[in-house]
Amino acid sequence: METLRHVVVFIHLVGFATLFGAWAVQAFGGKREFTRLMSIGMTIAAVAGLILAAPWGIEGAMNYPKIGVKLVVLLIIGALLGIGSARQKRDAQVPAAMFWLVGILTLVNAGIAVLWR
């Protein structure tokens, strides 16, 4: 059971890396657009995170406040990606603040996962 949990943690990290990596390519490549790969990475991280939030028979109590905060941050990232993608489809640019907020919130979500015990 613990091995399966570690596999899900790995998938969760792959989702985060996909989201942040796709964002970083756009940020430092000069385009500053939201891509489909960002949405895919966010979805992978979200699904794996929800699976990890389920009680797996682990010892100790679950940290529900941490799970709740991470979920709220993820929902905000998803909303920003959705709004920005809709603007791009209408031939409008993504506002710079919205674009940079996605990267910052992605790092904040990873920081919460690592630092909040």
N, C-alpha and C. Protein backbone atom coordinates (compact mmCIF):
# COMPACT_ATOMS: atom_id res chain seq x y z
N MET A 1 0.83 -1.19 0.00
CA MET A 1 0.00 0.00 0.00
C MET A 1 0.87 1.26 0.00
N GLU A 2 1.96 1.20 0.75
CA GLU A 2 2.86 2.36 0.82
C GLU A 2 3.53 2.60 -0.53
N THR A 3 3.84 1.52 -1.25
CA THR A 3 4.44 1.66 -2.57
C THR A 3 3.48 2.36 -3.53
N LEU A 4 2.22 2.00 -3.47
CA LEU A 4 1.22 2.64 -4.32
C LEU A 4 1.11 4.13 -3.99
N ARG A 5 1.17 4.46 -2.71
CA ARG A 5 1.12 5.86 -2.30
C ARG A 5 2.32 6.63 -2.86
N HIS A 6 3.48 6.00 -2.83
CA HIS A 6 4.68 6.65 -3.38
C HIS A 6 4.56 6.85 -4.89
N VAL A 7 3.94 5.92 -5.58
CA VAL A 7 3.72 6.07 -7.02
C VAL A 7 2.80 7.26 -7.29
N VAL A 8 1.75 7.41 -6.48
CA VAL A 8 0.83 8.54 -6.65
C VAL A 8 1.53 9.86 -6.33
N VAL A 9 2.40 9.88 -5.32
CA VAL A 9 3.19 11.08 -5.02
C VAL A 9 4.08 11.42 -6.23
N PHE A 10 4.68 10.42 -6.84
CA PHE A 10 5.51 10.64 -8.03
C PHE A 10 4.69 11.25 -9.16
N ILE A 11 3.50 10.71 -9.40
CA ILE A 11 2.62 11.24 -10.45
C ILE A 11 2.23 12.68 -10.13
N HIS A 12 1.97 12.96 -8.85
CA HIS A 12 1.64 14.32 -8.42
C HIS A 12 2.80 15.28 -8.74
N LEU A 13 4.02 14.84 -8.47
CA LEU A 13 5.20 15.66 -8.76
C LEU A 13 5.39 15.85 -10.27
N VAL A 14 5.10 14.83 -11.05
CA VAL A 14 5.19 14.96 -12.50
C VAL A 14 4.19 16.00 -13.00
N GLY A 15 2.98 16.00 -12.44
CA GLY A 15 1.99 17.01 -12.81
C GLY A 15 2.45 18.41 -12.48
N PHE A 16 3.00 18.58 -11.27
CA PHE A 16 3.54 19.89 -10.88
C PHE A 16 4.67 20.30 -11.83
N ALA A 17 5.58 19.37 -12.11
CA ALA A 17 6.72 19.69 -12.97
C ALA A 17 6.26 20.04 -14.39
N THR A 18 5.24 19.37 -14.87
CA THR A 18 4.71 19.67 -16.20
C THR A 18 4.12 21.07 -16.23
N LEU A 19 3.30 21.40 -15.22
CA LEU A 19 2.69 22.73 -15.15
C LEU A 19 3.76 23.81 -15.05
N PHE A 20 4.67 23.65 -14.10
CA PHE A 20 5.67 24.69 -13.89
C PHE A 20 6.67 24.76 -15.05
N GLY A 21 7.04 23.61 -15.60
CA GLY A 21 7.97 23.59 -16.72
C GLY A 21 7.39 24.27 -17.95
N ALA A 22 6.13 23.97 -18.26
CA ALA A 22 5.48 24.61 -19.40
C ALA A 22 5.35 26.11 -19.17
N TRP A 23 5.04 26.50 -17.94
CA TRP A 23 4.95 27.93 -17.62
C TRP A 23 6.32 28.60 -17.77
N ALA A 24 7.37 27.96 -17.27
CA ALA A 24 8.72 28.54 -17.32
C ALA A 24 9.19 28.70 -18.77
N VAL A 25 8.87 27.73 -19.62
CA VAL A 25 9.25 27.83 -21.03
C VAL A 25 8.61 29.07 -21.65
N GLN A 26 7.34 29.30 -21.35
CA GLN A 26 6.66 30.48 -21.88
C GLN A 26 7.20 31.76 -21.26
N ALA A 27 7.46 31.74 -19.96
CA ALA A 27 7.91 32.94 -19.25
C ALA A 27 9.28 33.39 -19.76
N PHE A 28 10.17 32.46 -19.93
CA PHE A 28 11.53 32.82 -20.30
C PHE A 28 11.77 32.74 -21.80
N GLY A 29 10.76 32.26 -22.54
CA GLY A 29 10.84 32.24 -24.00
C GLY A 29 10.28 33.51 -24.61
N GLY A 30 9.63 34.31 -23.80
CA GLY A 30 9.14 35.60 -24.27
C GLY A 30 7.71 35.63 -24.77
N LYS A 31 7.04 34.47 -24.92
CA LYS A 31 5.68 34.48 -25.46
C LYS A 31 4.63 34.85 -24.41
N ARG A 32 4.76 34.32 -23.25
CA ARG A 32 3.83 34.55 -22.14
C ARG A 32 2.39 34.24 -22.52
N GLU A 33 2.20 33.01 -22.95
CA GLU A 33 0.87 32.50 -23.27
C GLU A 33 0.61 31.25 -22.45
N PHE A 34 -0.67 30.97 -22.21
CA PHE A 34 -1.04 29.73 -21.55
C PHE A 34 -1.15 28.64 -22.61
N THR A 35 -0.61 27.47 -22.30
CA THR A 35 -0.62 26.36 -23.25
C THR A 35 -1.48 25.22 -22.72
N ARG A 36 -1.80 24.33 -23.62
CA ARG A 36 -2.58 23.14 -23.25
C ARG A 36 -1.79 22.28 -22.27
N LEU A 37 -0.47 22.26 -22.40
CA LEU A 37 0.37 21.46 -21.52
C LEU A 37 0.27 21.94 -20.07
N MET A 38 0.09 23.23 -19.86
CA MET A 38 -0.10 23.75 -18.50
C MET A 38 -1.38 23.19 -17.89
N SER A 39 -2.44 23.17 -18.68
CA SER A 39 -3.72 22.63 -18.19
C SER A 39 -3.61 21.14 -17.90
N ILE A 40 -2.89 20.42 -18.75
CA ILE A 40 -2.71 18.99 -18.54
C ILE A 40 -1.92 18.74 -17.26
N GLY A 41 -0.85 19.49 -17.04
CA GLY A 41 -0.06 19.35 -15.82
C GLY A 41 -0.88 19.66 -14.58
N MET A 42 -1.70 20.70 -14.65
CA MET A 42 -2.54 21.06 -13.51
C MET A 42 -3.55 19.95 -13.23
N THR A 43 -4.11 19.37 -14.27
CA THR A 43 -5.08 18.30 -14.09
C THR A 43 -4.44 17.06 -13.47
N ILE A 44 -3.26 16.71 -13.94
CA ILE A 44 -2.55 15.56 -13.37
C ILE A 44 -2.26 15.79 -11.90
N ALA A 45 -1.75 16.98 -11.58
CA ALA A 45 -1.44 17.30 -10.18
C ALA A 45 -2.70 17.30 -9.32
N ALA A 46 -3.80 17.81 -9.88
CA ALA A 46 -5.05 17.88 -9.12
C ALA A 46 -5.60 16.49 -8.82
N VAL A 47 -5.66 15.64 -9.82
CA VAL A 47 -6.21 14.30 -9.63
C VAL A 47 -5.34 13.50 -8.66
N ALA A 48 -4.04 13.55 -8.85
CA ALA A 48 -3.13 12.83 -7.95
C ALA A 48 -3.21 13.40 -6.53
N GLY A 49 -3.35 14.72 -6.42
CA GLY A 49 -3.47 15.34 -5.10
C GLY A 49 -4.74 14.92 -4.38
N LEU A 50 -5.83 14.84 -5.12
CA LEU A 50 -7.08 14.38 -4.50
C LEU A 50 -6.99 12.92 -4.07
N ILE A 51 -6.30 12.11 -4.86
CA ILE A 51 -6.09 10.71 -4.46
C ILE A 51 -5.24 10.65 -3.20
N LEU A 52 -4.22 11.50 -3.11
CA LEU A 52 -3.37 11.52 -1.92
C LEU A 52 -4.11 12.02 -0.68
N ALA A 53 -5.14 12.85 -0.88
CA ALA A 53 -5.90 13.39 0.24
C ALA A 53 -6.81 12.35 0.88
N ALA A 54 -7.05 11.25 0.20
CA ALA A 54 -7.88 10.19 0.76
C ALA A 54 -7.09 9.46 1.84
N PRO A 55 -7.75 9.06 2.91
CA PRO A 55 -7.03 8.30 3.95
C PRO A 55 -6.61 6.93 3.42
N TRP A 56 -5.34 6.65 3.46
CA TRP A 56 -4.77 5.41 2.94
C TRP A 56 -4.42 4.43 4.04
N GLY A 57 -4.95 4.63 5.22
CA GLY A 57 -4.58 3.76 6.32
C GLY A 57 -3.20 4.08 6.86
N ILE A 58 -2.77 5.34 6.67
CA ILE A 58 -1.45 5.73 7.14
C ILE A 58 -1.53 6.03 8.63
N GLU A 59 -0.40 5.93 9.26
CA GLU A 59 -0.33 6.23 10.68
C GLU A 59 -0.32 7.73 10.88
N GLY A 60 -0.99 8.20 11.93
CA GLY A 60 -1.04 9.62 12.21
C GLY A 60 -2.25 10.27 11.57
N ALA A 61 -2.46 11.51 11.93
CA ALA A 61 -3.63 12.24 11.45
C ALA A 61 -3.33 12.94 10.12
N MET A 62 -4.35 13.10 9.32
CA MET A 62 -4.23 13.84 8.07
C MET A 62 -4.21 15.33 8.39
N ASN A 63 -3.47 16.10 7.63
CA ASN A 63 -3.39 17.54 7.83
C ASN A 63 -4.41 18.21 6.91
N TYR A 64 -5.66 18.25 7.38
CA TYR A 64 -6.75 18.76 6.54
C TYR A 64 -6.64 20.25 6.24
N PRO A 65 -6.17 21.08 7.16
CA PRO A 65 -5.99 22.49 6.78
C PRO A 65 -5.01 22.66 5.61
N LYS A 66 -3.92 21.92 5.63
CA LYS A 66 -2.94 21.98 4.54
C LYS A 66 -3.58 21.52 3.23
N ILE A 67 -4.33 20.44 3.27
CA ILE A 67 -4.99 19.92 2.08
C ILE A 67 -5.98 20.96 1.54
N GLY A 68 -6.72 21.60 2.45
CA GLY A 68 -7.68 22.62 2.03
C GLY A 68 -7.02 23.83 1.38
N VAL A 69 -5.93 24.29 1.97
CA VAL A 69 -5.22 25.45 1.40
C VAL A 69 -4.65 25.10 0.03
N LYS A 70 -4.05 23.92 -0.09
CA LYS A 70 -3.51 23.51 -1.38
C LYS A 70 -4.61 23.39 -2.43
N LEU A 71 -5.78 22.91 -2.04
CA LEU A 71 -6.89 22.79 -2.97
C LEU A 71 -7.39 24.16 -3.43
N VAL A 72 -7.48 25.11 -2.50
CA VAL A 72 -7.91 26.46 -2.87
C VAL A 72 -6.91 27.10 -3.84
N VAL A 73 -5.62 26.95 -3.57
CA VAL A 73 -4.60 27.51 -4.46
C VAL A 73 -4.70 26.85 -5.84
N LEU A 74 -4.91 25.53 -5.86
CA LEU A 74 -5.05 24.83 -7.14
C LEU A 74 -6.28 25.30 -7.91
N LEU A 75 -7.38 25.54 -7.21
CA LEU A 75 -8.58 26.05 -7.88
C LEU A 75 -8.35 27.44 -8.47
N ILE A 76 -7.60 28.27 -7.76
CA ILE A 76 -7.28 29.60 -8.28
C ILE A 76 -6.41 29.48 -9.54
N ILE A 77 -5.42 28.59 -9.49
CA ILE A 77 -4.58 28.37 -10.68
C ILE A 77 -5.44 27.90 -11.85
N GLY A 78 -6.34 26.97 -11.59
CA GLY A 78 -7.23 26.48 -12.64
C GLY A 78 -8.11 27.57 -13.22
N ALA A 79 -8.62 28.42 -12.35
CA ALA A 79 -9.46 29.54 -12.82
C ALA A 79 -8.65 30.50 -13.68
N LEU A 80 -7.44 30.82 -13.23
CA LEU A 80 -6.59 31.71 -14.01
C LEU A 80 -6.24 31.12 -15.37
N LEU A 81 -5.94 29.82 -15.39
CA LEU A 81 -5.64 29.17 -16.68
C LEU A 81 -6.86 29.16 -17.58
N GLY A 82 -8.02 28.91 -17.02
CA GLY A 82 -9.24 28.90 -17.82
C GLY A 82 -9.58 30.27 -18.38
N ILE A 83 -9.51 31.29 -17.54
CA ILE A 83 -9.80 32.65 -17.99
C ILE A 83 -8.78 33.10 -19.04
N GLY A 84 -7.51 32.84 -18.76
CA GLY A 84 -6.46 33.24 -19.70
C GLY A 84 -6.57 32.52 -21.03
N SER A 85 -6.89 31.24 -21.01
CA SER A 85 -7.05 30.48 -22.25
C SER A 85 -8.24 30.99 -23.05
N ALA A 86 -9.32 31.35 -22.38
CA ALA A 86 -10.49 31.90 -23.08
C ALA A 86 -10.14 33.24 -23.73
N ARG A 87 -9.36 34.05 -23.04
CA ARG A 87 -8.93 35.33 -23.63
C ARG A 87 -8.06 35.11 -24.85
N GLN A 88 -7.17 34.13 -24.78
CA GLN A 88 -6.30 33.83 -25.92
C GLN A 88 -7.10 33.40 -27.13
N LYS A 89 -8.16 32.64 -26.92
CA LYS A 89 -8.97 32.17 -28.04
C LYS A 89 -9.68 33.33 -28.74
N ARG A 90 -9.92 34.40 -28.01
CA ARG A 90 -10.56 35.58 -28.60
C ARG A 90 -9.52 36.54 -29.17
N ASP A 91 -8.31 36.07 -29.37
CA ASP A 91 -7.22 36.87 -29.92
C ASP A 91 -6.80 38.01 -29.01
N ALA A 92 -7.01 37.86 -27.74
CA ALA A 92 -6.54 38.85 -26.78
C ALA A 92 -5.34 38.26 -26.03
N GLN A 93 -4.50 39.11 -25.51
CA GLN A 93 -3.34 38.63 -24.77
C GLN A 93 -3.72 38.37 -23.32
N VAL A 94 -2.97 37.48 -22.72
CA VAL A 94 -3.14 37.21 -21.29
C VAL A 94 -2.49 38.37 -20.54
N PRO A 95 -3.21 38.98 -19.58
CA PRO A 95 -2.58 40.05 -18.80
C PRO A 95 -1.32 39.53 -18.09
N ALA A 96 -0.32 40.36 -18.03
CA ALA A 96 0.96 39.96 -17.43
C ALA A 96 0.77 39.52 -15.98
N ALA A 97 -0.06 40.23 -15.24
CA ALA A 97 -0.27 39.87 -13.83
C ALA A 97 -0.87 38.47 -13.71
N MET A 98 -1.80 38.14 -14.58
CA MET A 98 -2.42 36.82 -14.55
C MET A 98 -1.40 35.74 -14.89
N PHE A 99 -0.58 36.00 -15.89
CA PHE A 99 0.43 35.03 -16.29
C PHE A 99 1.43 34.77 -15.16
N TRP A 100 1.96 35.84 -14.58
CA TRP A 100 2.96 35.67 -13.52
C TRP A 100 2.34 35.08 -12.26
N LEU A 101 1.08 35.36 -12.00
CA LEU A 101 0.41 34.81 -10.82
C LEU A 101 0.30 33.29 -10.89
N VAL A 102 0.11 32.75 -12.10
CA VAL A 102 0.05 31.30 -12.24
C VAL A 102 1.38 30.67 -11.81
N GLY A 103 2.50 31.22 -12.25
CA GLY A 103 3.81 30.68 -11.86
C GLY A 103 4.07 30.83 -10.37
N ILE A 104 3.72 31.99 -9.83
CA ILE A 104 3.94 32.23 -8.40
C ILE A 104 3.09 31.28 -7.56
N LEU A 105 1.81 31.14 -7.92
CA LEU A 105 0.93 30.26 -7.15
C LEU A 105 1.33 28.80 -7.28
N THR A 106 1.88 28.42 -8.43
CA THR A 106 2.37 27.04 -8.58
C THR A 106 3.53 26.79 -7.63
N LEU A 107 4.44 27.75 -7.54
CA LEU A 107 5.55 27.60 -6.58
C LEU A 107 5.07 27.65 -5.14
N VAL A 108 4.09 28.50 -4.86
CA VAL A 108 3.53 28.57 -3.51
C VAL A 108 2.91 27.23 -3.13
N ASN A 109 2.19 26.62 -4.06
CA ASN A 109 1.57 25.33 -3.78
C ASN A 109 2.63 24.25 -3.49
N ALA A 110 3.71 24.27 -4.24
CA ALA A 110 4.81 23.33 -3.98
C ALA A 110 5.47 23.64 -2.63
N GLY A 111 5.63 24.91 -2.34
CA GLY A 111 6.21 25.30 -1.05
C GLY A 111 5.36 24.87 0.13
N ILE A 112 4.06 25.01 -0.01
CA ILE A 112 3.16 24.55 1.05
C ILE A 112 3.32 23.05 1.26
N ALA A 113 3.41 22.31 0.17
CA ALA A 113 3.56 20.86 0.28
C ALA A 113 4.83 20.46 1.02
N VAL A 114 5.90 21.19 0.76
CA VAL A 114 7.19 20.81 1.34
C VAL A 114 7.39 21.38 2.74
N LEU A 115 7.00 22.61 2.94
CA LEU A 115 7.34 23.30 4.20
C LEU A 115 6.31 23.15 5.31
N TRP A 116 5.05 22.98 4.97
CA TRP A 116 4.00 22.88 5.99
C TRP A 116 3.96 21.47 6.52
N ARG A 117 4.28 21.31 7.78
CA ARG A 117 4.27 19.97 8.40
C ARG A 117 3.16 19.83 9.34
